[in-house]
Protein backbone atom coordinates (compact mmCIF):
# COMPACT_ATOMS: atom_id res chain seq x y z
CA UNK A 1 0.00 0.00 0.00
CA UNK A 2 2.84 2.40 0.85
CA UNK A 3 4.45 1.64 -2.50
CA UNK A 4 1.25 2.47 -4.36
CA UNK A 5 0.82 5.71 -2.41
CA UNK A 6 4.43 6.67 -3.10
CA UNK A 7 4.00 5.93 -6.80
CA UNK A 8 0.91 8.10 -6.99
CA UNK A 9 2.64 10.93 -5.12
CA UNK A 10 5.64 10.79 -7.46
CA UNK A 11 3.36 10.71 -10.50
CA UNK A 12 1.58 13.84 -9.27
CA UNK A 13 4.65 15.78 -8.13
CA UNK A 14 7.12 14.97 -10.91
CA UNK A 15 5.36 16.99 -13.64
CA UNK A 16 5.20 19.98 -11.29
CA UNK A 17 8.90 19.71 -10.52
CA UNK A 18 9.78 19.50 -14.20
CA UNK A 19 7.58 22.42 -15.20
CA UNK A 20 8.85 24.59 -12.35
CA UNK A 21 12.28 24.59 -14.01
CA UNK A 22 10.83 26.34 -17.07
CA UNK A 23 8.78 28.64 -14.87
CA UNK A 24 11.90 29.55 -12.88
CA UNK A 25 13.54 30.99 -15.99
CA UNK A 26 13.52 34.78 -15.90
CA UNK A 27 12.64 36.14 -19.33
CA UNK A 28 13.86 39.65 -18.51
CA UNK A 29 17.23 38.36 -17.32
CA UNK A 30 17.53 36.11 -20.37
CA UNK A 31 16.71 39.02 -22.69
CA UNK A 32 19.72 40.78 -21.18
CA UNK A 33 22.12 37.83 -20.89
CA UNK A 34 21.43 36.51 -24.39
CA UNK A 35 22.17 40.03 -25.71
CA UNK A 36 18.72 40.58 -27.25
CA UNK A 37 18.84 44.10 -25.83
CA UNK A 38 21.89 45.02 -27.92
CA UNK A 39 19.69 45.32 -31.04
CA UNK A 40 16.13 45.50 -29.69
CA UNK A 41 16.82 47.94 -26.83
CA UNK A 42 16.98 47.30 -23.09
CA UNK A 43 13.21 47.73 -22.82
CA UNK A 44 12.47 45.82 -26.07
CA UNK A 45 10.72 49.02 -27.25
CA UNK A 46 13.63 51.04 -28.60
CA UNK A 47 15.67 49.11 -31.17
CA UNK A 48 19.01 50.62 -32.13
CA UNK A 49 18.04 50.78 -35.82
CA UNK A 50 14.61 51.29 -37.42
CA UNK A 51 14.94 48.00 -39.33
CA UNK A 52 14.98 46.02 -36.07
CA UNK A 53 11.51 45.22 -34.71
CA UNK A 54 10.07 46.42 -31.45
CA UNK A 55 9.46 43.24 -29.49
CA UNK A 56 7.64 44.55 -26.44
CA UNK A 57 3.96 43.67 -26.40
CA UNK A 58 4.20 40.95 -29.03
CA UNK A 59 2.04 37.92 -28.40
CA UNK A 60 4.08 35.24 -26.63
CA UNK A 61 3.03 32.62 -29.18
CA UNK A 62 4.02 34.81 -32.11
CA UNK A 63 7.38 35.80 -30.59
CA UNK A 64 8.18 32.19 -29.73
CA UNK A 65 7.33 30.97 -33.22
CA UNK A 66 9.51 33.66 -34.81
CA UNK A 67 12.46 32.67 -32.61
CA UNK A 68 11.97 28.98 -33.42
CA UNK A 69 11.68 29.71 -37.15
CA UNK A 70 14.84 31.81 -37.13
CA UNK A 71 16.72 29.14 -35.18
CA UNK A 72 15.61 26.34 -37.52
CA UNK A 73 16.18 28.37 -40.68
CA UNK A 74 12.50 28.29 -41.66
CA UNK A 75 12.57 32.09 -41.54
CA UNK A 76 15.47 33.55 -43.49
CA UNK A 77 14.19 36.99 -44.49
CA UNK A 78 15.09 40.43 -43.18
CA UNK A 79 17.47 40.31 -40.25
CA UNK A 80 16.99 36.58 -39.66
CA UNK A 81 20.53 35.77 -40.84
CA UNK A 82 22.00 37.96 -38.11
CA UNK A 83 19.67 36.39 -35.54
CA UNK A 84 20.36 32.76 -36.46
CA UNK A 85 23.74 32.68 -34.72
CA UNK A 86 22.33 34.21 -31.57
CA UNK A 87 19.33 31.87 -31.49
CA UNK A 88 21.66 28.88 -31.64
CA UNK A 89 22.68 29.80 -28.10
CA UNK A 90 19.11 29.95 -26.77
CA UNK A 91 17.24 26.81 -25.67
CA UNK A 92 13.55 26.24 -26.37
CA UNK A 93 12.76 26.79 -22.69
CA UNK A 94 14.70 30.06 -22.69
CA UNK A 95 12.91 31.19 -25.84
CA UNK A 96 9.56 30.52 -24.17
CA UNK A 97 10.57 32.52 -21.08
CA UNK A 98 11.75 35.44 -23.21
CA UNK A 99 8.55 35.33 -25.29
CA UNK A 100 6.40 35.33 -22.15
CA UNK A 101 8.31 38.32 -20.78
CA UNK A 102 8.04 40.24 -24.06
CA UNK A 103 4.27 39.76 -24.05
CA UNK A 104 4.02 41.53 -20.69
CA UNK A 105 6.02 44.60 -21.72
PDB file of N, CA and C in Angstrom:
ATOM      1  N   UNK A   1       0.817  -1.193   0.000  1.00  0.00           N
ATOM      2  CA  UNK A   1       0.000   0.000   0.000  1.00  0.00           C
ATOM      3  C   UNK A   1       0.863   1.259   0.000  1.00  0.00           C
ATOM      4  N   UNK A   2       1.957   1.239   0.805  1.00  0.00           N
ATOM      5  CA  UNK A   2       2.839   2.398   0.849  1.00  0.00           C
ATOM      6  C   UNK A   2       3.480   2.622  -0.512  1.00  0.00           C
ATOM      7  N   UNK A   3       3.821   1.535  -1.184  1.00  0.00           N
ATOM      8  CA  UNK A   3       4.452   1.636  -2.501  1.00  0.00           C
ATOM      9  C   UNK A   3       3.502   2.286  -3.502  1.00  0.00           C
ATOM     10  N   UNK A   4       2.237   1.899  -3.449  1.00  0.00           N
ATOM     11  CA  UNK A   4       1.246   2.468  -4.356  1.00  0.00           C
ATOM     12  C   UNK A   4       1.051   3.961  -4.065  1.00  0.00           C
ATOM     13  N   UNK A   5       0.977   4.314  -2.797  1.00  0.00           N
ATOM     14  CA  UNK A   5       0.817   5.713  -2.410  1.00  0.00           C
ATOM     15  C   UNK A   5       2.018   6.537  -2.859  1.00  0.00           C
ATOM     16  N   UNK A   6       3.207   5.981  -2.680  1.00  0.00           N
ATOM     17  CA  UNK A   6       4.425   6.670  -3.098  1.00  0.00           C
ATOM     18  C   UNK A   6       4.443   6.856  -4.610  1.00  0.00           C
ATOM     19  N   UNK A   7       4.043   5.838  -5.340  1.00  0.00           N
ATOM     20  CA  UNK A   7       4.004   5.930  -6.801  1.00  0.00           C
ATOM     21  C   UNK A   7       3.041   7.013  -7.264  1.00  0.00           C
ATOM     22  N   UNK A   8       1.897   7.079  -6.630  1.00  0.00           N
ATOM     23  CA  UNK A   8       0.909   8.102  -6.985  1.00  0.00           C
ATOM     24  C   UNK A   8       1.457   9.491  -6.663  1.00  0.00           C
ATOM     25  N   UNK A   9       2.082   9.627  -5.508  1.00  0.00           N
ATOM     26  CA  UNK A   9       2.644  10.925  -5.117  1.00  0.00           C
ATOM     27  C   UNK A   9       3.714  11.375  -6.105  1.00  0.00           C
ATOM     28  N   UNK A  10       4.589  10.460  -6.493  1.00  0.00           N
ATOM     29  CA  UNK A  10       5.643  10.790  -7.457  1.00  0.00           C
ATOM     30  C   UNK A  10       5.027  11.168  -8.796  1.00  0.00           C
ATOM     31  N   UNK A  11       4.017  10.427  -9.216  1.00  0.00           N
ATOM     32  CA  UNK A  11       3.363  10.707 -10.497  1.00  0.00           C
ATOM     33  C   UNK A  11       2.709  12.088 -10.499  1.00  0.00           C
ATOM     34  N   UNK A  12       2.219  12.525  -9.360  1.00  0.00           N
ATOM     35  CA  UNK A  12       1.583  13.840  -9.273  1.00  0.00           C
ATOM     36  C   UNK A  12       2.596  14.975  -9.124  1.00  0.00           C
ATOM     37  N   UNK A  13       3.673  14.728  -8.421  1.00  0.00           N
ATOM     38  CA  UNK A  13       4.647  15.781  -8.129  1.00  0.00           C
ATOM     39  C   UNK A  13       5.679  15.953  -9.234  1.00  0.00           C
ATOM     40  N   UNK A  14       6.066  14.891  -9.895  1.00  0.00           N
ATOM     41  CA  UNK A  14       7.120  14.967 -10.912  1.00  0.00           C
ATOM     42  C   UNK A  14       6.824  15.978 -12.016  1.00  0.00           C
ATOM     43  N   UNK A  15       5.621  15.982 -12.609  1.00  0.00           N
ATOM     44  CA  UNK A  15       5.355  16.995 -13.645  1.00  0.00           C
ATOM     45  C   UNK A  15       5.476  18.422 -13.118  1.00  0.00           C
ATOM     46  N   UNK A  16       5.075  18.644 -11.877  1.00  0.00           N
ATOM     47  CA  UNK A  16       5.202  19.982 -11.293  1.00  0.00           C
ATOM     48  C   UNK A  16       6.661  20.368 -11.128  1.00  0.00           C
ATOM     49  N   UNK A  17       7.475  19.433 -10.696  1.00  0.00           N
ATOM     50  CA  UNK A  17       8.900  19.711 -10.519  1.00  0.00           C
ATOM     51  C   UNK A  17       9.558  20.015 -11.855  1.00  0.00           C
ATOM     52  N   UNK A  18       9.191  19.274 -12.881  1.00  0.00           N
ATOM     53  CA  UNK A  18       9.783  19.502 -14.196  1.00  0.00           C
ATOM     54  C   UNK A  18       9.328  20.826 -14.787  1.00  0.00           C
ATOM     55  N   UNK A  19       8.069  21.170 -14.631  1.00  0.00           N
ATOM     56  CA  UNK A  19       7.576  22.424 -15.196  1.00  0.00           C
ATOM     57  C   UNK A  19       8.064  23.624 -14.404  1.00  0.00           C
ATOM     58  N   UNK A  20       8.377  23.452 -13.137  1.00  0.00           N
ATOM     59  CA  UNK A  20       8.850  24.586 -12.352  1.00  0.00           C
ATOM     60  C   UNK A  20      10.207  25.058 -12.839  1.00  0.00           C
ATOM     61  N   UNK A  21      10.994  24.179 -13.455  1.00  0.00           N
ATOM     62  CA  UNK A  21      12.276  24.595 -14.015  1.00  0.00           C
ATOM     63  C   UNK A  21      12.059  25.627 -15.110  1.00  0.00           C
ATOM     64  N   UNK A  22      11.118  25.388 -16.002  1.00  0.00           N
ATOM     65  CA  UNK A  22      10.826  26.341 -17.070  1.00  0.00           C
ATOM     66  C   UNK A  22      10.232  27.617 -16.489  1.00  0.00           C
ATOM     67  N   UNK A  23       9.399  27.477 -15.472  1.00  0.00           N
ATOM     68  CA  UNK A  23       8.780  28.642 -14.867  1.00  0.00           C
ATOM     69  C   UNK A  23       9.814  29.480 -14.122  1.00  0.00           C
ATOM     70  N   UNK A  24      10.879  28.841 -13.644  1.00  0.00           N
ATOM     71  CA  UNK A  24      11.899  29.547 -12.885  1.00  0.00           C
ATOM     72  C   UNK A  24      12.761  30.423 -13.780  1.00  0.00           C
ATOM     73  N   UNK A  25      12.748  30.179 -15.076  1.00  0.00           N
ATOM     74  CA  UNK A  25      13.541  30.993 -15.985  1.00  0.00           C
ATOM     75  C   UNK A  25      12.999  32.415 -16.009  1.00  0.00           C
ATOM     76  N   UNK A  26      13.883  33.369 -15.938  1.00  0.00           N
ATOM     77  CA  UNK A  26      13.520  34.783 -15.903  1.00  0.00           C
ATOM     78  C   UNK A  26      13.704  35.373 -17.292  1.00  0.00           C
ATOM     79  N   UNK A  27      12.590  35.625 -17.972  1.00  0.00           N
ATOM     80  CA  UNK A  27      12.640  36.139 -19.335  1.00  0.00           C
ATOM     81  C   UNK A  27      13.374  37.462 -19.452  1.00  0.00           C
ATOM     82  N   UNK A  28      13.184  38.346 -18.481  1.00  0.00           N
ATOM     83  CA  UNK A  28      13.861  39.646 -18.513  1.00  0.00           C
ATOM     84  C   UNK A  28      15.368  39.470 -18.400  1.00  0.00           C
ATOM     85  N   UNK A  29      15.791  38.610 -17.492  1.00  0.00           N
ATOM     86  CA  UNK A  29      17.228  38.364 -17.323  1.00  0.00           C
ATOM     87  C   UNK A  29      17.810  37.693 -18.560  1.00  0.00           C
ATOM     88  N   UNK A  30      17.061  36.779 -19.152  1.00  0.00           N
ATOM     89  CA  UNK A  30      17.532  36.112 -20.370  1.00  0.00           C
ATOM     90  C   UNK A  30      17.626  37.093 -21.535  1.00  0.00           C
ATOM     91  N   UNK A  31      16.686  38.003 -21.638  1.00  0.00           N
ATOM     92  CA  UNK A  31      16.706  39.024 -22.688  1.00  0.00           C
ATOM     93  C   UNK A  31      18.008  39.816 -22.604  1.00  0.00           C
ATOM     94  N   UNK A  32      18.456  40.059 -21.383  1.00  0.00           N
ATOM     95  CA  UNK A  32      19.721  40.776 -21.180  1.00  0.00           C
ATOM     96  C   UNK A  32      20.919  39.863 -21.436  1.00  0.00           C
ATOM     97  N   UNK A  33      20.936  38.696 -20.807  1.00  0.00           N
ATOM     98  CA  UNK A  33      22.122  37.833 -20.887  1.00  0.00           C
ATOM     99  C   UNK A  33      22.347  37.230 -22.269  1.00  0.00           C
ATOM    100  N   UNK A  34      21.290  37.053 -23.030  1.00  0.00           N
ATOM    101  CA  UNK A  34      21.429  36.507 -24.386  1.00  0.00           C
ATOM    102  C   UNK A  34      21.662  37.618 -25.408  1.00  0.00           C
ATOM    103  N   UNK A  35      21.848  38.828 -24.931  1.00  0.00           N
ATOM    104  CA  UNK A  35      22.168  40.032 -25.711  1.00  0.00           C
ATOM    105  C   UNK A  35      21.070  40.492 -26.667  1.00  0.00           C
ATOM    106  N   UNK A  36      19.840  40.106 -26.422  1.00  0.00           N
ATOM    107  CA  UNK A  36      18.721  40.576 -27.248  1.00  0.00           C
ATOM    108  C   UNK A  36      18.649  42.102 -27.216  1.00  0.00           C
ATOM    109  N   UNK A  37      18.922  42.657 -26.051  1.00  0.00           N
ATOM    110  CA  UNK A  37      18.843  44.104 -25.834  1.00  0.00           C
ATOM    111  C   UNK A  37      19.776  44.885 -26.745  1.00  0.00           C
ATOM    112  N   UNK A  38      20.889  44.272 -27.164  1.00  0.00           N
ATOM    113  CA  UNK A  38      21.886  45.024 -27.924  1.00  0.00           C
ATOM    114  C   UNK A  38      21.347  45.510 -29.269  1.00  0.00           C
ATOM    115  N   UNK A  39      20.330  44.867 -29.801  1.00  0.00           N
ATOM    116  CA  UNK A  39      19.688  45.324 -31.041  1.00  0.00           C
ATOM    117  C   UNK A  39      18.276  45.845 -30.789  1.00  0.00           C
ATOM    118  N   UNK A  40      17.547  45.186 -29.894  1.00  0.00           N
ATOM    119  CA  UNK A  40      16.133  45.498 -29.690  1.00  0.00           C
ATOM    120  C   UNK A  40      15.886  46.513 -28.581  1.00  0.00           C
ATOM    121  N   UNK A  41      16.949  46.966 -27.906  1.00  0.00           N
ATOM    122  CA  UNK A  41      16.815  47.942 -26.830  1.00  0.00           C
ATOM    123  C   UNK A  41      16.590  47.271 -25.489  1.00  0.00           C
ATOM    124  N   UNK A  42      17.082  47.898 -24.435  1.00  0.00           N
ATOM    125  CA  UNK A  42      16.978  47.303 -23.093  1.00  0.00           C
ATOM    126  C   UNK A  42      15.538  47.064 -22.664  1.00  0.00           C
ATOM    127  N   UNK A  43      14.622  47.878 -23.180  1.00  0.00           N
ATOM    128  CA  UNK A  43      13.215  47.733 -22.824  1.00  0.00           C
ATOM    129  C   UNK A  43      12.416  46.983 -23.891  1.00  0.00           C
ATOM    130  N   UNK A  44      13.089  46.522 -24.931  1.00  0.00           N
ATOM    131  CA  UNK A  44      12.468  45.824 -26.072  1.00  0.00           C
ATOM    132  C   UNK A  44      11.527  46.730 -26.862  1.00  0.00           C
ATOM    133  N   UNK A  45      11.585  48.038 -26.575  1.00  0.00           N
ATOM    134  CA  UNK A  45      10.721  49.015 -27.246  1.00  0.00           C
ATOM    135  C   UNK A  45      11.506  49.989 -28.111  1.00  0.00           C
ATOM    136  N   UNK A  46      12.808  50.046 -27.906  1.00  0.00           N
ATOM    137  CA  UNK A  46      13.628  51.044 -28.600  1.00  0.00           C
ATOM    138  C   UNK A  46      14.814  50.382 -29.296  1.00  0.00           C
ATOM    139  N   UNK A  47      14.564  49.747 -30.449  1.00  0.00           N
ATOM    140  CA  UNK A  47      15.666  49.106 -31.170  1.00  0.00           C
ATOM    141  C   UNK A  47      16.701  50.139 -31.612  1.00  0.00           C
ATOM    142  N   UNK A  48      17.937  49.687 -31.796  1.00  0.00           N
ATOM    143  CA  UNK A  48      19.010  50.624 -32.134  1.00  0.00           C
ATOM    144  C   UNK A  48      18.921  51.121 -33.571  1.00  0.00           C
ATOM    145  N   UNK A  49      18.257  50.369 -34.434  1.00  0.00           N
ATOM    146  CA  UNK A  49      18.036  50.777 -35.824  1.00  0.00           C
ATOM    147  C   UNK A  49      16.566  50.583 -36.177  1.00  0.00           C
ATOM    148  N   UNK A  50      16.028  51.424 -37.046  1.00  0.00           N
ATOM    149  CA  UNK A  50      14.613  51.295 -37.425  1.00  0.00           C
ATOM    150  C   UNK A  50      14.266  49.953 -38.084  1.00  0.00           C
ATOM    151  N   UNK A  51      15.243  49.276 -38.671  1.00  0.00           N
ATOM    152  CA  UNK A  51      14.940  47.996 -39.331  1.00  0.00           C
ATOM    153  C   UNK A  51      14.745  46.859 -38.335  1.00  0.00           C
ATOM    154  N   UNK A  52      15.168  47.050 -37.087  1.00  0.00           N
ATOM    155  CA  UNK A  52      14.977  46.016 -36.069  1.00  0.00           C
ATOM    156  C   UNK A  52      13.598  46.183 -35.449  1.00  0.00           C
ATOM    157  N   UNK A  53      12.877  45.093 -35.246  1.00  0.00           N
ATOM    158  CA  UNK A  53      11.513  45.215 -34.712  1.00  0.00           C
ATOM    159  C   UNK A  53      11.469  45.547 -33.222  1.00  0.00           C
ATOM    160  N   UNK A  54      10.393  46.239 -32.860  1.00  0.00           N
ATOM    161  CA  UNK A  54      10.065  46.423 -31.448  1.00  0.00           C
ATOM    162  C   UNK A  54       9.428  45.118 -30.991  1.00  0.00           C
ATOM    163  N   UNK A  55       9.945  44.539 -29.940  1.00  0.00           N
ATOM    164  CA  UNK A  55       9.458  43.235 -29.492  1.00  0.00           C
ATOM    165  C   UNK A  55       8.468  43.327 -28.338  1.00  0.00           C
ATOM    166  N   UNK A  56       8.520  44.403 -27.595  1.00  0.00           N
ATOM    167  CA  UNK A  56       7.636  44.553 -26.439  1.00  0.00           C
ATOM    168  C   UNK A  56       6.180  44.507 -26.880  1.00  0.00           C
ATOM    169  N   UNK A  57       5.387  43.753 -26.131  1.00  0.00           N
ATOM    170  CA  UNK A  57       3.961  43.671 -26.402  1.00  0.00           C
ATOM    171  C   UNK A  57       3.563  42.642 -27.446  1.00  0.00           C
ATOM    172  N   UNK A  58       4.539  41.996 -28.065  1.00  0.00           N
ATOM    173  CA  UNK A  58       4.200  40.947 -29.033  1.00  0.00           C
ATOM    174  C   UNK A  58       3.539  39.782 -28.299  1.00  0.00           C
ATOM    175  N   UNK A  59       2.642  39.123 -28.958  1.00  0.00           N
ATOM    176  CA  UNK A  59       2.036  37.916 -28.396  1.00  0.00           C
ATOM    177  C   UNK A  59       3.136  36.892 -28.130  1.00  0.00           C
ATOM    178  N   UNK A  60       3.059  36.224 -26.988  1.00  0.00           N
ATOM    179  CA  UNK A  60       4.081  35.236 -26.629  1.00  0.00           C
ATOM    180  C   UNK A  60       4.179  34.139 -27.683  1.00  0.00           C
ATOM    181  N   UNK A  61       3.035  33.679 -28.171  1.00  0.00           N
ATOM    182  CA  UNK A  61       3.034  32.623 -29.185  1.00  0.00           C
ATOM    183  C   UNK A  61       3.701  33.059 -30.473  1.00  0.00           C
ATOM    184  N   UNK A  62       3.420  34.281 -30.883  1.00  0.00           N
ATOM    185  CA  UNK A  62       4.021  34.815 -32.106  1.00  0.00           C
ATOM    186  C   UNK A  62       5.533  34.970 -31.939  1.00  0.00           C
ATOM    187  N   UNK A  63       5.949  35.583 -30.833  1.00  0.00           N
ATOM    188  CA  UNK A  63       7.380  35.798 -30.594  1.00  0.00           C
ATOM    189  C   UNK A  63       8.126  34.470 -30.530  1.00  0.00           C
ATOM    190  N   UNK A  64       7.543  33.500 -29.839  1.00  0.00           N
ATOM    191  CA  UNK A  64       8.184  32.190 -29.725  1.00  0.00           C
ATOM    192  C   UNK A  64       8.318  31.530 -31.091  1.00  0.00           C
ATOM    193  N   UNK A  65       7.272  31.585 -31.893  1.00  0.00           N
ATOM    194  CA  UNK A  65       7.326  30.967 -33.222  1.00  0.00           C
ATOM    195  C   UNK A  65       8.382  31.637 -34.096  1.00  0.00           C
ATOM    196  N   UNK A  66       8.490  32.962 -34.017  1.00  0.00           N
ATOM    197  CA  UNK A  66       9.507  33.663 -34.806  1.00  0.00           C
ATOM    198  C   UNK A  66      10.904  33.216 -34.396  1.00  0.00           C
ATOM    199  N   UNK A  67      11.139  33.110 -33.089  1.00  0.00           N
ATOM    200  CA  UNK A  67      12.456  32.672 -32.610  1.00  0.00           C
ATOM    201  C   UNK A  67      12.765  31.254 -33.076  1.00  0.00           C
ATOM    202  N   UNK A  68      11.770  30.372 -32.976  1.00  0.00           N
ATOM    203  CA  UNK A  68      11.973  28.985 -33.420  1.00  0.00           C
ATOM    204  C   UNK A  68      12.238  28.923 -34.919  1.00  0.00           C
ATOM    205  N   UNK A  69      11.493  29.712 -35.698  1.00  0.00           N
ATOM    206  CA  UNK A  69      11.680  29.713 -37.153  1.00  0.00           C
ATOM    207  C   UNK A  69      13.047  30.256 -37.544  1.00  0.00           C
ATOM    208  N   UNK A  70      13.509  31.266 -36.847  1.00  0.00           N
ATOM    209  CA  UNK A  70      14.840  31.805 -37.130  1.00  0.00           C
ATOM    210  C   UNK A  70      15.899  30.768 -36.772  1.00  0.00           C
ATOM    211  N   UNK A  71      15.741  30.139 -35.621  1.00  0.00           N
ATOM    212  CA  UNK A  71      16.719  29.140 -35.176  1.00  0.00           C
ATOM    213  C   UNK A  71      16.793  27.966 -36.140  1.00  0.00           C
ATOM    214  N   UNK A  72      15.647  27.507 -36.631  1.00  0.00           N
ATOM    215  CA  UNK A  72      15.614  26.335 -37.518  1.00  0.00           C
ATOM    216  C   UNK A  72      15.987  26.676 -38.956  1.00  0.00           C
ATOM    217  N   UNK A  73      15.924  27.962 -39.301  1.00  0.00           N
ATOM    218  CA  UNK A  73      16.184  28.371 -40.678  1.00  0.00           C
ATOM    219  C   UNK A  73      14.925  28.490 -41.509  1.00  0.00           C
ATOM    220  N   UNK A  74      13.759  28.180 -40.927  1.00  0.00           N
ATOM    221  CA  UNK A  74      12.495  28.292 -41.657  1.00  0.00           C
ATOM    222  C   UNK A  74      12.212  29.745 -42.031  1.00  0.00           C
ATOM    223  N   UNK A  75      12.693  30.661 -41.216  1.00  0.00           N
ATOM    224  CA  UNK A  75      12.574  32.091 -41.538  1.00  0.00           C
ATOM    225  C   UNK A  75      13.977  32.597 -41.860  1.00  0.00           C
ATOM    226  N   UNK A  76      14.149  33.095 -43.062  1.00  0.00           N
ATOM    227  CA  UNK A  76      15.473  33.550 -43.489  1.00  0.00           C
ATOM    228  C   UNK A  76      15.413  34.926 -44.132  1.00  0.00           C
ATOM    229  N   UNK A  77      14.333  35.667 -43.892  1.00  0.00           N
ATOM    230  CA  UNK A  77      14.188  36.994 -44.493  1.00  0.00           C
ATOM    231  C   UNK A  77      14.664  38.081 -43.531  1.00  0.00           C
ATOM    232  N   UNK A  78      14.750  39.296 -44.025  1.00  0.00           N
ATOM    233  CA  UNK A  78      15.090  40.434 -43.176  1.00  0.00           C
ATOM    234  C   UNK A  78      16.379  40.229 -42.407  1.00  0.00           C
ATOM    235  N   UNK A  79      16.303  40.419 -41.119  1.00  0.00           N
ATOM    236  CA  UNK A  79      17.475  40.314 -40.253  1.00  0.00           C
ATOM    237  C   UNK A  79      17.660  38.908 -39.681  1.00  0.00           C
ATOM    238  N   UNK A  80      16.935  37.935 -40.203  1.00  0.00           N
ATOM    239  CA  UNK A  80      16.989  36.578 -39.661  1.00  0.00           C
ATOM    240  C   UNK A  80      18.395  35.988 -39.709  1.00  0.00           C
ATOM    241  N   UNK A  81      19.169  36.320 -40.735  1.00  0.00           N
ATOM    242  CA  UNK A  81      20.527  35.773 -40.842  1.00  0.00           C
ATOM    243  C   UNK A  81      21.376  36.211 -39.650  1.00  0.00           C
ATOM    244  N   UNK A  82      21.244  37.461 -39.258  1.00  0.00           N
ATOM    245  CA  UNK A  82      21.998  37.956 -38.105  1.00  0.00           C
ATOM    246  C   UNK A  82      21.523  37.292 -36.817  1.00  0.00           C
ATOM    247  N   UNK A  83      20.251  36.998 -36.736  1.00  0.00           N
ATOM    248  CA  UNK A  83      19.670  36.395 -35.537  1.00  0.00           C
ATOM    249  C   UNK A  83      19.988  34.912 -35.402  1.00  0.00           C
ATOM    250  N   UNK A  84      20.187  34.223 -36.501  1.00  0.00           N
ATOM    251  CA  UNK A  84      20.361  32.765 -36.463  1.00  0.00           C
ATOM    252  C   UNK A  84      21.491  32.348 -35.525  1.00  0.00           C
ATOM    253  N   UNK A  85      22.623  33.023 -35.597  1.00  0.00           N
ATOM    254  CA  UNK A  85      23.745  32.680 -34.725  1.00  0.00           C
ATOM    255  C   UNK A  85      23.420  32.868 -33.257  1.00  0.00           C
ATOM    256  N   UNK A  86      22.710  33.928 -32.954  1.00  0.00           N
ATOM    257  CA  UNK A  86      22.326  34.205 -31.570  1.00  0.00           C
ATOM    258  C   UNK A  86      21.339  33.149 -31.082  1.00  0.00           C
ATOM    259  N   UNK A  87      20.361  32.821 -31.907  1.00  0.00           N
ATOM    260  CA  UNK A  87      19.327  31.869 -31.493  1.00  0.00           C
ATOM    261  C   UNK A  87      19.893  30.471 -31.266  1.00  0.00           C
ATOM    262  N   UNK A  88      21.016  30.173 -31.881  1.00  0.00           N
ATOM    263  CA  UNK A  88      21.661  28.884 -31.642  1.00  0.00           C
ATOM    264  C   UNK A  88      22.127  28.721 -30.205  1.00  0.00           C
ATOM    265  N   UNK A  89      22.235  29.823 -29.488  1.00  0.00           N
ATOM    266  CA  UNK A  89      22.684  29.803 -28.096  1.00  0.00           C
ATOM    267  C   UNK A  89      21.530  29.843 -27.102  1.00  0.00           C
ATOM    268  N   UNK A  90      20.296  29.821 -27.617  1.00  0.00           N
ATOM    269  CA  UNK A  90      19.110  29.948 -26.769  1.00  0.00           C
ATOM    270  C   UNK A  90      18.296  28.659 -26.848  1.00  0.00           C
ATOM    271  N   UNK A  91      18.031  28.049 -25.699  1.00  0.00           N
ATOM    272  CA  UNK A  91      17.244  26.810 -25.670  1.00  0.00           C
ATOM    273  C   UNK A  91      15.765  27.111 -25.893  1.00  0.00           C
ATOM    274  N   UNK A  92      14.993  26.074 -26.188  1.00  0.00           N
ATOM    275  CA  UNK A  92      13.548  26.240 -26.374  1.00  0.00           C
ATOM    276  C   UNK A  92      12.889  26.795 -25.109  1.00  0.00           C
ATOM    277  N   UNK A  93      13.332  26.316 -23.947  1.00  0.00           N
ATOM    278  CA  UNK A  93      12.764  26.789 -22.687  1.00  0.00           C
ATOM    279  C   UNK A  93      13.094  28.263 -22.470  1.00  0.00           C
ATOM    280  N   UNK A  94      14.317  28.651 -22.821  1.00  0.00           N
ATOM    281  CA  UNK A  94      14.700  30.056 -22.686  1.00  0.00           C
ATOM    282  C   UNK A  94      13.915  30.934 -23.654  1.00  0.00           C
ATOM    283  N   UNK A  95      13.714  30.438 -24.873  1.00  0.00           N
ATOM    284  CA  UNK A  95      12.909  31.191 -25.841  1.00  0.00           C
ATOM    285  C   UNK A  95      11.505  31.429 -25.300  1.00  0.00           C
ATOM    286  N   UNK A  96      10.917  30.398 -24.713  1.00  0.00           N
ATOM    287  CA  UNK A  96       9.560  30.521 -24.166  1.00  0.00           C
ATOM    288  C   UNK A  96       9.522  31.554 -23.043  1.00  0.00           C
ATOM    289  N   UNK A  97      10.526  31.551 -22.185  1.00  0.00           N
ATOM    290  CA  UNK A  97      10.567  32.516 -21.082  1.00  0.00           C
ATOM    291  C   UNK A  97      10.727  33.940 -21.613  1.00  0.00           C
ATOM    292  N   UNK A  98      11.575  34.119 -22.613  1.00  0.00           N
ATOM    293  CA  UNK A  98      11.752  35.442 -23.214  1.00  0.00           C
ATOM    294  C   UNK A  98      10.450  35.897 -23.870  1.00  0.00           C
ATOM    295  N   UNK A  99       9.810  34.999 -24.616  1.00  0.00           N
ATOM    296  CA  UNK A  99       8.551  35.333 -25.295  1.00  0.00           C
ATOM    297  C   UNK A  99       7.478  35.729 -24.284  1.00  0.00           C
ATOM    298  N   UNK A 100       7.388  34.995 -23.189  1.00  0.00           N
ATOM    299  CA  UNK A 100       6.402  35.327 -22.151  1.00  0.00           C
ATOM    300  C   UNK A 100       6.681  36.708 -21.567  1.00  0.00           C
ATOM    301  N   UNK A 101       7.953  37.010 -21.324  1.00  0.00           N
ATOM    302  CA  UNK A 101       8.313  38.322 -20.781  1.00  0.00           C
ATOM    303  C   UNK A 101       7.975  39.431 -21.777  1.00  0.00           C
ATOM    304  N   UNK A 102       8.319  39.226 -23.043  1.00  0.00           N
ATOM    305  CA  UNK A 102       8.041  40.244 -24.062  1.00  0.00           C
ATOM    306  C   UNK A 102       6.550  40.574 -24.124  1.00  0.00           C
ATOM    307  N   UNK A 103       5.717  39.561 -23.978  1.00  0.00           N
ATOM    308  CA  UNK A 103       4.266  39.764 -24.055  1.00  0.00           C
ATOM    309  C   UNK A 103       3.747  40.653 -22.930  1.00  0.00           C
ATOM    310  N   UNK A 104       4.472  40.728 -21.835  1.00  0.00           N
ATOM    311  CA  UNK A 104       4.017  41.533 -20.694  1.00  0.00           C
ATOM    312  C   UNK A 104       4.575  42.953 -20.707  1.00  0.00           C
ATOM    313  N   UNK A 105       5.374  43.271 -21.687  1.00  0.00           N
ATOM    314  CA  UNK A 105       6.024  44.601 -21.723  1.00  0.00           C
ATOM    315  C   UNK A 105       5.180  45.623 -22.447  1.00  0.00           C
TER     316      UNK A 105
END
